[in-house]
PDB file of N, CA and C in Angstrom:
ATOM      1  N   MET A   1      -1.770 -16.013  26.536  1.00  0.00           N
ATOM      2  CA  MET A   1      -1.732 -16.854  25.049  1.00  0.00           C
ATOM      3  C   MET A   1      -2.088 -18.167  25.110  1.00  0.00           C
ATOM      4  N   THR A   2      -2.496 -19.166  25.051  1.00  0.00           N
ATOM      5  CA  THR A   2      -2.922 -20.705  24.567  1.00  0.00           C
ATOM      6  C   THR A   2      -2.638 -20.991  23.996  1.00  0.00           C
ATOM      7  N   THR A   3      -2.077 -22.885  24.087  1.00  0.00           N
ATOM      8  CA  THR A   3      -0.998 -24.001  23.933  1.00  0.00           C
ATOM      9  C   THR A   3      -1.847 -23.323  22.628  1.00  0.00           C
ATOM     10  N   THR A   4      -2.423 -23.318  22.284  1.00  0.00           N
ATOM     11  CA  THR A   4      -3.544 -23.850  20.799  1.00  0.00           C
ATOM     12  C   THR A   4      -2.710 -22.365  19.962  1.00  0.00           C
ATOM     13  N   ASP A   5      -2.942 -20.781  20.910  1.00  0.00           N
ATOM     14  CA  ASP A   5      -2.856 -19.979  19.516  1.00  0.00           C
ATOM     15  C   ASP A   5      -1.235 -20.005  19.891  1.00  0.00           C
ATOM     16  N   ASN A   6      -0.640 -19.879  21.085  1.00  0.00           N
ATOM     17  CA  ASN A   6       0.940 -20.214  20.574  1.00  0.00           C
ATOM     18  C   ASN A   6       1.521 -21.469  19.910  1.00  0.00           C
ATOM     19  N   ALA A   7       0.808 -22.346  19.217  1.00  0.00           N
ATOM     20  CA  ALA A   7       1.220 -23.754  17.997  1.00  0.00           C
ATOM     21  C   ALA A   7       0.784 -22.352  16.295  1.00  0.00           C
ATOM     22  N   ALA A   8      -0.612 -22.517  17.255  1.00  0.00           N
ATOM     23  CA  ALA A   8      -0.639 -21.636  15.570  1.00  0.00           C
ATOM     24  C   ALA A   8       0.381 -19.764  14.443  1.00  0.00           C
ATOM     25  N   ALA A   9       0.126 -19.982  15.861  1.00  0.00           N
ATOM     26  CA  ALA A   9       2.053 -18.508  15.702  1.00  0.00           C
ATOM     27  C   ALA A   9       2.638 -18.428  15.099  1.00  0.00           C
ATOM     28  N   ASP A  10       3.764 -20.365  15.553  1.00  0.00           N
ATOM     29  CA  ASP A  10       4.564 -20.478  15.993  1.00  0.00           C
ATOM     30  C   ASP A  10       4.623 -21.041  13.943  1.00  0.00           C
ATOM     31  N   ALA A  11       3.285 -21.236  14.160  1.00  0.00           N
ATOM     32  CA  ALA A  11       3.105 -22.026  12.311  1.00  0.00           C
ATOM     33  C   ALA A  11       3.773 -21.742  11.486  1.00  0.00           C
ATOM     34  N   PRO A  12       4.027 -22.783  10.759  1.00  0.00           N
ATOM     35  CA  PRO A  12       4.962 -21.506   8.649  1.00  0.00           C
ATOM     36  C   PRO A  12       3.902 -20.545   8.862  1.00  0.00           C
ATOM     37  N   LEU A  13       4.483 -20.055   8.018  1.00  0.00           N
ATOM     38  CA  LEU A  13       3.495 -19.333   6.594  1.00  0.00           C
ATOM     39  C   LEU A  13       3.506 -19.713   5.820  1.00  0.00           C
ATOM     40  N   ASP A  14       2.553 -19.450   4.860  1.00  0.00           N
ATOM     41  CA  ASP A  14       1.586 -20.414   3.641  1.00  0.00           C
ATOM     42  C   ASP A  14       1.786 -19.397   2.699  1.00  0.00           C
ATOM     43  N   VAL A  15       2.390 -19.690   1.299  1.00  0.00           N
ATOM     44  CA  VAL A  15       2.480 -19.529   0.713  1.00  0.00           C
ATOM     45  C   VAL A  15       2.084 -17.981  -0.311  1.00  0.00           C
ATOM     46  N   ARG A  16       0.585 -17.904   0.132  1.00  0.00           N
ATOM     47  CA  ARG A  16      -0.477 -17.165  -0.052  1.00  0.00           C
ATOM     48  C   ARG A  16      -0.037 -16.218   1.032  1.00  0.00           C
ATOM     49  N   ALA A  17      -0.016 -16.523   2.372  1.00  0.00           N
ATOM     50  CA  ALA A  17       0.730 -15.447   2.941  1.00  0.00           C
ATOM     51  C   ALA A  17       1.205 -14.448   2.988  1.00  0.00           C
ATOM     52  N   LEU A  18       2.534 -15.601   2.597  1.00  0.00           N
ATOM     53  CA  LEU A  18       4.239 -15.332   2.223  1.00  0.00           C
ATOM     54  C   LEU A  18       4.193 -13.104   1.027  1.00  0.00           C
ATOM     55  N   SER A  19       3.302 -13.668   0.250  1.00  0.00           N
ATOM     56  CA  SER A  19       3.535 -13.401  -0.928  1.00  0.00           C
ATOM     57  C   SER A  19       2.837 -12.143  -0.573  1.00  0.00           C
ATOM     58  N   LYS A  20       1.371 -11.773   0.232  1.00  0.00           N
ATOM     59  CA  LYS A  20       0.912 -11.342   0.667  1.00  0.00           C
ATOM     60  C   LYS A  20       1.506  -9.099   1.120  1.00  0.00           C
ATOM     61  N   LEU A  21       2.321 -10.731   2.194  1.00  0.00           N
ATOM     62  CA  LEU A  21       3.931 -10.140   3.057  1.00  0.00           C
ATOM     63  C   LEU A  21       5.003  -9.426   2.365  1.00  0.00           C
ATOM     64  N   LYS A  22       5.526 -10.026   1.005  1.00  0.00           N
ATOM     65  CA  LYS A  22       5.969  -9.552   0.509  1.00  0.00           C
ATOM     66  C   LYS A  22       5.307  -7.537  -0.073  1.00  0.00           C
ATOM     67  N   TRP A  23       4.692  -7.895  -0.871  1.00  0.00           N
ATOM     68  CA  TRP A  23       3.446  -6.851  -1.127  1.00  0.00           C
ATOM     69  C   TRP A  23       3.786  -6.463  -0.399  1.00  0.00           C
ATOM     70  N   ARG A  24       3.195  -6.379   0.546  1.00  0.00           N
ATOM     71  CA  ARG A  24       3.183  -5.420   2.599  1.00  0.00           C
ATOM     72  C   ARG A  24       4.277  -4.643   2.428  1.00  0.00           C
ATOM     73  N   CYS A  25       5.823  -5.330   2.408  1.00  0.00           N
ATOM     74  CA  CYS A  25       6.938  -4.984   3.101  1.00  0.00           C
ATOM     75  C   CYS A  25       7.800  -4.131   1.695  1.00  0.00           C
ATOM     76  N   ARG A  26       7.092  -3.285   0.836  1.00  0.00           N
ATOM     77  CA  ARG A  26       7.766  -2.870  -0.381  1.00  0.00           C
ATOM     78  C   ARG A  26       7.165  -1.636   0.097  1.00  0.00           C
ATOM     79  N   ARG A  27       8.478  -0.619  -0.117  1.00  0.00           N
ATOM     80  CA  ARG A  27       9.093  -0.051   0.762  1.00  0.00           C
ATOM     81  C   ARG A  27       9.754   1.696  -0.526  1.00  0.00           C
ATOM     82  N   GLY A  28       9.150   3.155  -0.059  1.00  0.00           N
ATOM     83  CA  GLY A  28       9.558   3.797  -0.794  1.00  0.00           C
ATOM     84  C   GLY A  28      11.012   4.250  -1.241  1.00  0.00           C
ATOM     85  N   LEU A  29      11.934   3.669   0.602  1.00  0.00           N
ATOM     86  CA  LEU A  29      13.049   4.077   0.539  1.00  0.00           C
ATOM     87  C   LEU A  29      13.674   3.182  -0.301  1.00  0.00           C
ATOM     88  N   LEU A  30      14.722   3.088  -1.095  1.00  0.00           N
ATOM     89  CA  LEU A  30      15.322   1.981  -1.844  1.00  0.00           C
ATOM     90  C   LEU A  30      16.231   1.076  -0.851  1.00  0.00           C
ATOM     91  N   GLU A  31      16.866   2.295   0.046  1.00  0.00           N
ATOM     92  CA  GLU A  31      18.129   1.148   2.105  1.00  0.00           C
ATOM     93  C   GLU A  31      16.867   0.407   2.696  1.00  0.00           C
ATOM     94  N   ASN A  32      15.016   0.986   2.803  1.00  0.00           N
ATOM     95  CA  ASN A  32      14.463   0.414   3.750  1.00  0.00           C
ATOM     96  C   ASN A  32      14.630  -1.597   3.022  1.00  0.00           C
ATOM     97  N   ASP A  33      14.198  -1.219   1.312  1.00  0.00           N
ATOM     98  CA  ASP A  33      13.995  -2.684   0.240  1.00  0.00           C
ATOM     99  C   ASP A  33      15.253  -3.538   0.461  1.00  0.00           C
ATOM    100  N   LEU A  34      16.549  -2.585   0.495  1.00  0.00           N
ATOM    101  CA  LEU A  34      17.409  -3.290   0.493  1.00  0.00           C
ATOM    102  C   LEU A  34      17.335  -4.604   1.484  1.00  0.00           C
ATOM    103  N   PHE A  35      16.882  -3.880   3.084  1.00  0.00           N
ATOM    104  CA  PHE A  35      17.272  -4.789   4.378  1.00  0.00           C
ATOM    105  C   PHE A  35      16.337  -5.381   3.520  1.00  0.00           C
ATOM    106  N   ILE A  36      15.097  -5.258   4.299  1.00  0.00           N
ATOM    107  CA  ILE A  36      13.713  -6.749   3.428  1.00  0.00           C
ATOM    108  C   ILE A  36      14.790  -7.513   2.393  1.00  0.00           C
ATOM    109  N   GLU A  37      15.045  -7.084   1.018  1.00  0.00           N
ATOM    110  CA  GLU A  37      14.795  -8.586   0.277  1.00  0.00           C
ATOM    111  C   GLU A  37      15.863  -8.733   0.838  1.00  0.00           C
ATOM    112  N   ARG A  38      17.403  -8.839   1.780  1.00  0.00           N
ATOM    113  CA  ARG A  38      18.127  -9.252   1.864  1.00  0.00           C
ATOM    114  C   ARG A  38      17.921 -10.347   3.379  1.00  0.00           C
ATOM    115  N   PHE A  39      16.364  -9.650   4.253  1.00  0.00           N
ATOM    116  CA  PHE A  39      15.346 -10.169   5.167  1.00  0.00           C
ATOM    117  C   PHE A  39      15.215 -11.446   4.722  1.00  0.00           C
ATOM    118  N   PHE A  40      14.624 -10.941   3.442  1.00  0.00           N
ATOM    119  CA  PHE A  40      13.457 -12.279   2.951  1.00  0.00           C
ATOM    120  C   PHE A  40      14.474 -13.500   2.057  1.00  0.00           C
ATOM    121  N   ALA A  41      15.254 -12.497   1.502  1.00  0.00           N
ATOM    122  CA  ALA A  41      16.005 -14.240   1.161  1.00  0.00           C
ATOM    123  C   ALA A  41      16.909 -14.817   2.025  1.00  0.00           C
ATOM    124  N   ARG A  42      16.911 -14.890   3.334  1.00  0.00           N
ATOM    125  CA  ARG A  42      17.482 -15.394   4.221  1.00  0.00           C
ATOM    126  C   ARG A  42      16.569 -16.531   4.790  1.00  0.00           C
ATOM    127  N   HIS A  43      15.600 -15.627   6.172  1.00  0.00           N
ATOM    128  CA  HIS A  43      14.414 -16.152   6.067  1.00  0.00           C
ATOM    129  C   HIS A  43      13.341 -16.964   5.351  1.00  0.00           C
ATOM    130  N   GLU A  44      12.865 -16.705   4.575  1.00  0.00           N
ATOM    131  CA  GLU A  44      11.393 -16.250   4.539  1.00  0.00           C
ATOM    132  C   GLU A  44      10.751 -17.982   4.164  1.00  0.00           C
ATOM    133  N   THR A  45      11.658 -18.377   3.812  1.00  0.00           N
ATOM    134  CA  THR A  45      10.938 -20.427   4.359  1.00  0.00           C
ATOM    135  C   THR A  45      10.581 -20.978   5.264  1.00  0.00           C
ATOM    136  N   GLY A  46      11.204 -19.955   6.535  1.00  0.00           N
ATOM    137  CA  GLY A  46      11.047 -20.095   7.437  1.00  0.00           C
ATOM    138  C   GLY A  46      10.255 -19.419   8.640  1.00  0.00           C
ATOM    139  N   LEU A  47      10.048 -18.069   8.231  1.00  0.00           N
ATOM    140  CA  LEU A  47       8.737 -17.342   9.041  1.00  0.00           C
ATOM    141  C   LEU A  47       7.814 -18.166   9.975  1.00  0.00           C
ATOM    142  N   THR A  48       7.604 -17.948  10.737  1.00  0.00           N
ATOM    143  CA  THR A  48       6.397 -18.450  10.952  1.00  0.00           C
ATOM    144  C   THR A  48       5.500 -17.199  11.688  1.00  0.00           C
ATOM    145  N   VAL A  49       4.144 -17.036  11.637  1.00  0.00           N
ATOM    146  CA  VAL A  49       2.626 -16.985  12.052  1.00  0.00           C
ATOM    147  C   VAL A  49       2.999 -15.133  12.731  1.00  0.00           C
ATOM    148  N   ARG A  50       3.346 -15.682  13.921  1.00  0.00           N
ATOM    149  CA  ARG A  50       4.063 -14.735  14.892  1.00  0.00           C
ATOM    150  C   ARG A  50       5.611 -13.670  14.260  1.00  0.00           C
ATOM    151  N   GLN A  51       5.925 -14.042  13.580  1.00  0.00           N
ATOM    152  CA  GLN A  51       7.027 -13.084  12.897  1.00  0.00           C
ATOM    153  C   GLN A  51       6.478 -12.726  12.205  1.00  0.00           C
ATOM    154  N   ALA A  52       6.050 -12.935  10.608  1.00  0.00           N
ATOM    155  CA  ALA A  52       4.592 -12.119  10.235  1.00  0.00           C
ATOM    156  C   ALA A  52       4.187 -11.511  10.299  1.00  0.00           C
ATOM    157  N   GLN A  53       3.272 -10.995  11.439  1.00  0.00           N
ATOM    158  CA  GLN A  53       2.422 -10.035  12.290  1.00  0.00           C
ATOM    159  C   GLN A  53       3.645  -8.343  13.027  1.00  0.00           C
ATOM    160  N   ALA A  54       4.749  -9.530  13.322  1.00  0.00           N
ATOM    161  CA  ALA A  54       5.698  -8.788  13.685  1.00  0.00           C
ATOM    162  C   ALA A  54       6.191  -7.643  12.807  1.00  0.00           C
ATOM    163  N   LEU A  55       6.628  -8.677  12.071  1.00  0.00           N
ATOM    164  CA  LEU A  55       7.340  -7.293  10.728  1.00  0.00           C
ATOM    165  C   LEU A  55       5.677  -6.586  10.620  1.00  0.00           C
ATOM    166  N   GLY A  56       4.857  -7.107  10.545  1.00  0.00           N
ATOM    167  CA  GLY A  56       3.647  -5.899  10.413  1.00  0.00           C
ATOM    168  C   GLY A  56       3.613  -4.816  10.815  1.00  0.00           C
ATOM    169  N   VAL A  57       3.501  -5.452  11.795  1.00  0.00           N
ATOM    170  CA  VAL A  57       4.346  -4.143  12.953  1.00  0.00           C
ATOM    171  C   VAL A  57       4.820  -3.356  12.291  1.00  0.00           C
ATOM    172  N   LEU A  58       6.369  -3.351  11.686  1.00  0.00           N
ATOM    173  CA  LEU A  58       6.774  -2.217  11.399  1.00  0.00           C
ATOM    174  C   LEU A  58       7.227  -1.856  10.102  1.00  0.00           C
ATOM    175  N   MET A  59       5.889  -1.795   9.371  1.00  0.00           N
ATOM    176  CA  MET A  59       5.747  -2.453   8.375  1.00  0.00           C
ATOM    177  C   MET A  59       4.969  -0.675   8.904  1.00  0.00           C
ATOM    178  N   ASP A  60       4.403  -1.035   9.963  1.00  0.00           N
ATOM    179  CA  ASP A  60       2.552   0.342   9.772  1.00  0.00           C
ATOM    180  C   ASP A  60       3.903   1.550  10.650  1.00  0.00           C
ATOM    181  N   LEU A  61       5.195   1.860  10.716  1.00  0.00           N
ATOM    182  CA  LEU A  61       5.613   2.366  10.370  1.00  0.00           C
ATOM    183  C   LEU A  61       5.955   3.423   9.553  1.00  0.00           C
ATOM    184  N   SER A  62       6.527   4.993   9.657  1.00  0.00           N
ATOM    185  CA  SER A  62       6.951   5.322   7.486  1.00  0.00           C
ATOM    186  C   SER A  62       8.039   5.396   7.397  1.00  0.00           C
ATOM    187  N   ASP A  63       8.397   5.881   6.710  1.00  0.00           N
ATOM    188  CA  ASP A  63       9.768   4.824   5.751  1.00  0.00           C
ATOM    189  C   ASP A  63      11.064   5.862   6.291  1.00  0.00           C
ATOM    190  N   ASN A  64      11.143   6.610   7.207  1.00  0.00           N
ATOM    191  CA  ASN A  64      11.693   7.495   7.920  1.00  0.00           C
ATOM    192  C   ASN A  64      12.481   6.667   8.801  1.00  0.00           C
ATOM    193  N   ASP A  65      11.739   6.385   9.138  1.00  0.00           N
ATOM    194  CA  ASP A  65      10.953   6.086  11.326  1.00  0.00           C
ATOM    195  C   ASP A  65      11.330   4.574  11.073  1.00  0.00           C
ATOM    196  N   LEU A  66      11.275   3.809   9.697  1.00  0.00           N
ATOM    197  CA  LEU A  66      12.076   1.702   9.365  1.00  0.00           C
ATOM    198  C   LEU A  66      13.089   2.055  10.113  1.00  0.00           C
ATOM    199  N   LEU A  67      13.109   3.159   8.613  1.00  0.00           N
ATOM    200  CA  LEU A  67      15.442   3.352   8.565  1.00  0.00           C
ATOM    201  C   LEU A  67      16.183   4.049  10.039  1.00  0.00           C
ATOM    202  N   ASP A  68      15.860   4.679  10.321  1.00  0.00           N
ATOM    203  CA  ASP A  68      15.692   5.110  11.768  1.00  0.00           C
ATOM    204  C   ASP A  68      16.533   3.191  12.349  1.00  0.00           C
ATOM    205  N   GLN A  69      14.805   2.629  12.979  1.00  0.00           N
ATOM    206  CA  GLN A  69      14.885   1.566  13.355  1.00  0.00           C
ATOM    207  C   GLN A  69      16.020   0.736  12.888  1.00  0.00           C
ATOM    208  N   LEU A  70      16.281  -0.010  11.273  1.00  0.00           N
ATOM    209  CA  LEU A  70      16.615  -0.266  10.936  1.00  0.00           C
ATOM    210  C   LEU A  70      18.701  -0.513  11.211  1.00  0.00           C
ATOM    211  N   LEU A  71      19.022   0.893  11.136  1.00  0.00           N
ATOM    212  CA  LEU A  71      19.837   1.464  11.044  1.00  0.00           C
ATOM    213  C   LEU A  71      20.530   1.401  12.908  1.00  0.00           C
ATOM    214  N   GLY A  72      19.656   1.704  13.381  1.00  0.00           N
ATOM    215  CA  GLY A  72      19.964   1.509  15.373  1.00  0.00           C
ATOM    216  C   GLY A  72      19.545   2.773  15.763  1.00  0.00           C
ATOM    217  N   ARG A  73      19.134   4.171  14.437  1.00  0.00           N
ATOM    218  CA  ARG A  73      19.757   5.287  15.250  1.00  0.00           C
ATOM    219  C   ARG A  73      18.442   5.706  16.120  1.00  0.00           C
ATOM    220  N   LYS A  74      17.733   4.586  16.668  1.00  0.00           N
ATOM    221  CA  LYS A  74      16.387   4.691  17.058  1.00  0.00           C
ATOM    222  C   LYS A  74      16.176   3.449  18.077  1.00  0.00           C
ATOM    223  N   THR A  75      15.145   3.321  19.097  1.00  0.00           N
ATOM    224  CA  THR A  75      14.901   2.821  19.823  1.00  0.00           C
ATOM    225  C   THR A  75      13.544   3.005  20.217  1.00  0.00           C
ATOM    226  N   PRO A  76      13.406   0.839  20.225  1.00  0.00           N
ATOM    227  CA  PRO A  76      12.506   0.368  19.626  1.00  0.00           C
ATOM    228  C   PRO A  76      11.668   1.354  20.732  1.00  0.00           C
ATOM    229  N   GLU A  77       9.953   1.306  21.003  1.00  0.00           N
ATOM    230  CA  GLU A  77       9.082   1.881  21.314  1.00  0.00           C
ATOM    231  C   GLU A  77       7.955   1.558  21.068  1.00  0.00           C
ATOM    232  N   GLY A  78       6.728   1.310  21.934  1.00  0.00           N
ATOM    233  CA  GLY A  78       5.469   0.960  23.009  1.00  0.00           C
ATOM    234  C   GLY A  78       5.434  -0.096  21.420  1.00  0.00           C
ATOM    235  N   PRO A  79       4.639  -0.151  19.663  1.00  0.00           N
ATOM    236  CA  PRO A  79       4.786  -2.391  19.488  1.00  0.00           C
ATOM    237  C   PRO A  79       6.038  -1.566  18.907  1.00  0.00           C
ATOM    238  N   GLN A  80       6.565  -0.965  18.893  1.00  0.00           N
ATOM    239  CA  GLN A  80       8.104  -1.883  17.701  1.00  0.00           C
ATOM    240  C   GLN A  80       9.163  -2.781  19.661  1.00  0.00           C
ATOM    241  N   ALA A  81       8.182  -2.705  20.708  1.00  0.00           N
ATOM    242  CA  ALA A  81       9.575  -2.562  21.545  1.00  0.00           C
ATOM    243  C   ALA A  81       8.834  -4.581  22.070  1.00  0.00           C
ATOM    244  N   GLU A  82       8.002  -4.580  21.261  1.00  0.00           N
ATOM    245  CA  GLU A  82       7.388  -6.045  22.098  1.00  0.00           C
ATOM    246  C   GLU A  82       8.619  -6.507  21.543  1.00  0.00           C
ATOM    247  N   PRO A  83       9.365  -7.752  22.402  1.00  0.00           N
ATOM    248  CA  PRO A  83       9.405  -9.002  22.355  1.00  0.00           C
ATOM    249  C   PRO A  83       9.777  -9.457  20.888  1.00  0.00           C
ATOM    250  N   ASP A  84       8.422 -10.020  20.510  1.00  0.00           N
ATOM    251  CA  ASP A  84       8.467 -10.673  18.651  1.00  0.00           C
ATOM    252  C   ASP A  84       9.212  -9.470  17.745  1.00  0.00           C
ATOM    253  N   VAL A  85       8.808  -7.926  17.737  1.00  0.00           N
ATOM    254  CA  VAL A  85       8.638  -7.273  17.264  1.00  0.00           C
ATOM    255  C   VAL A  85      10.143  -6.765  17.231  1.00  0.00           C
ATOM    256  N   VAL A  86      11.300  -7.871  18.480  1.00  0.00           N
ATOM    257  CA  VAL A  86      12.062  -6.575  18.355  1.00  0.00           C
ATOM    258  C   VAL A  86      13.571  -8.456  17.829  1.00  0.00           C
ATOM    259  N   GLN A  87      13.132  -9.333  17.750  1.00  0.00           N
ATOM    260  CA  GLN A  87      13.508 -10.254  17.505  1.00  0.00           C
ATOM    261  C   GLN A  87      12.806 -10.353  15.931  1.00  0.00           C
ATOM    262  N   VAL A  88      12.505  -9.970  14.995  1.00  0.00           N
ATOM    263  CA  VAL A  88      12.303  -9.675  13.332  1.00  0.00           C
ATOM    264  C   VAL A  88      13.179  -8.775  13.532  1.00  0.00           C
ATOM    265  N   LEU A  89      12.993  -7.294  13.944  1.00  0.00           N
ATOM    266  CA  LEU A  89      13.723  -6.260  13.811  1.00  0.00           C
ATOM    267  C   LEU A  89      15.205  -6.522  13.979  1.00  0.00           C
ATOM    268  N   GLU A  90      15.784  -7.422  15.085  1.00  0.00           N
ATOM    269  CA  GLU A  90      17.629  -7.784  14.844  1.00  0.00           C
ATOM    270  C   GLU A  90      17.430  -9.054  13.586  1.00  0.00           C
ATOM    271  N   MET A  91      16.450  -9.531  13.212  1.00  0.00           N
ATOM    272  CA  MET A  91      16.797  -9.793  11.581  1.00  0.00           C
ATOM    273  C   MET A  91      17.421  -9.504  11.046  1.00  0.00           C
ATOM    274  N   ILE A  92      16.313  -8.895  10.494  1.00  0.00           N
ATOM    275  CA  ILE A  92      16.086  -7.981   8.905  1.00  0.00           C
ATOM    276  C   ILE A  92      18.058  -7.260   9.637  1.00  0.00           C
ATOM    277  N   ARG A  93      18.156  -6.596  10.778  1.00  0.00           N
ATOM    278  CA  ARG A  93      19.676  -6.164  10.249  1.00  0.00           C
ATOM    279  C   ARG A  93      20.817  -6.920  10.262  1.00  0.00           C
ATOM    280  N   HIS A  94      20.366  -8.206  10.821  1.00  0.00           N
ATOM    281  CA  HIS A  94      21.854  -8.740  10.404  1.00  0.00           C
ATOM    282  C   HIS A  94      21.201 -10.328   9.547  1.00  0.00           C
ATOM    283  N   ALA A  95      20.900  -9.632   8.353  1.00  0.00           N
ATOM    284  CA  ALA A  95      20.945 -10.515   7.415  1.00  0.00           C
ATOM    285  C   ALA A  95      21.075 -10.121   6.403  1.00  0.00           C
ATOM    286  N   ARG A  96      22.405 -11.655   6.160  1.00  0.00           N
ATOM    287  CA  ARG A  96      23.542 -11.329   4.714  1.00  0.00           C
ATOM    288  C   ARG A  96      22.416 -11.996   3.234  1.00  0.00           C
ATOM    289  N   SER A  97      22.834 -11.742   2.205  1.00  0.00           N
ATOM    290  CA  SER A  97      22.334 -11.885   0.860  1.00  0.00           C
ATOM    291  C   SER A  97      22.804 -13.928   1.197  1.00  0.00           C
ATOM    292  N   PRO A  98      22.166 -14.403   0.261  1.00  0.00           N
ATOM    293  CA  PRO A  98      23.183 -16.355   0.476  1.00  0.00           C
ATOM    294  C   PRO A  98      23.812 -16.736  -0.006  1.00  0.00           C
ATOM    295  N   ASP A  99      24.799 -17.468   0.329  1.00  0.00           N
ATOM    296  CA  ASP A  99      25.845 -17.997  -0.320  1.00  0.00           C
ATOM    297  C   ASP A  99      25.725 -17.697  -1.421  1.00  0.00           C
TER     298      ASP A  99
END
């Protein structure tokens, strides 16, 4: 990845992209929605393009597999084991409702 690519990936997510990402993150299981809702409440203003892409990888999982990842019942493997994806997974796991 070039310096320009890194800079673009680390740029803040624009409002339109954030809206699309939130729509994509809607899930069928309430438990997943609760994790994701808290994640956005805590991190949406500082999300980068890189983090949005990593979150997209997690959203490719089925609802049950995503919940297993969020609860730590399964170890990330394949694309979910990429460092950026693991970082976002940890951010979701540790998100708390804003004070």
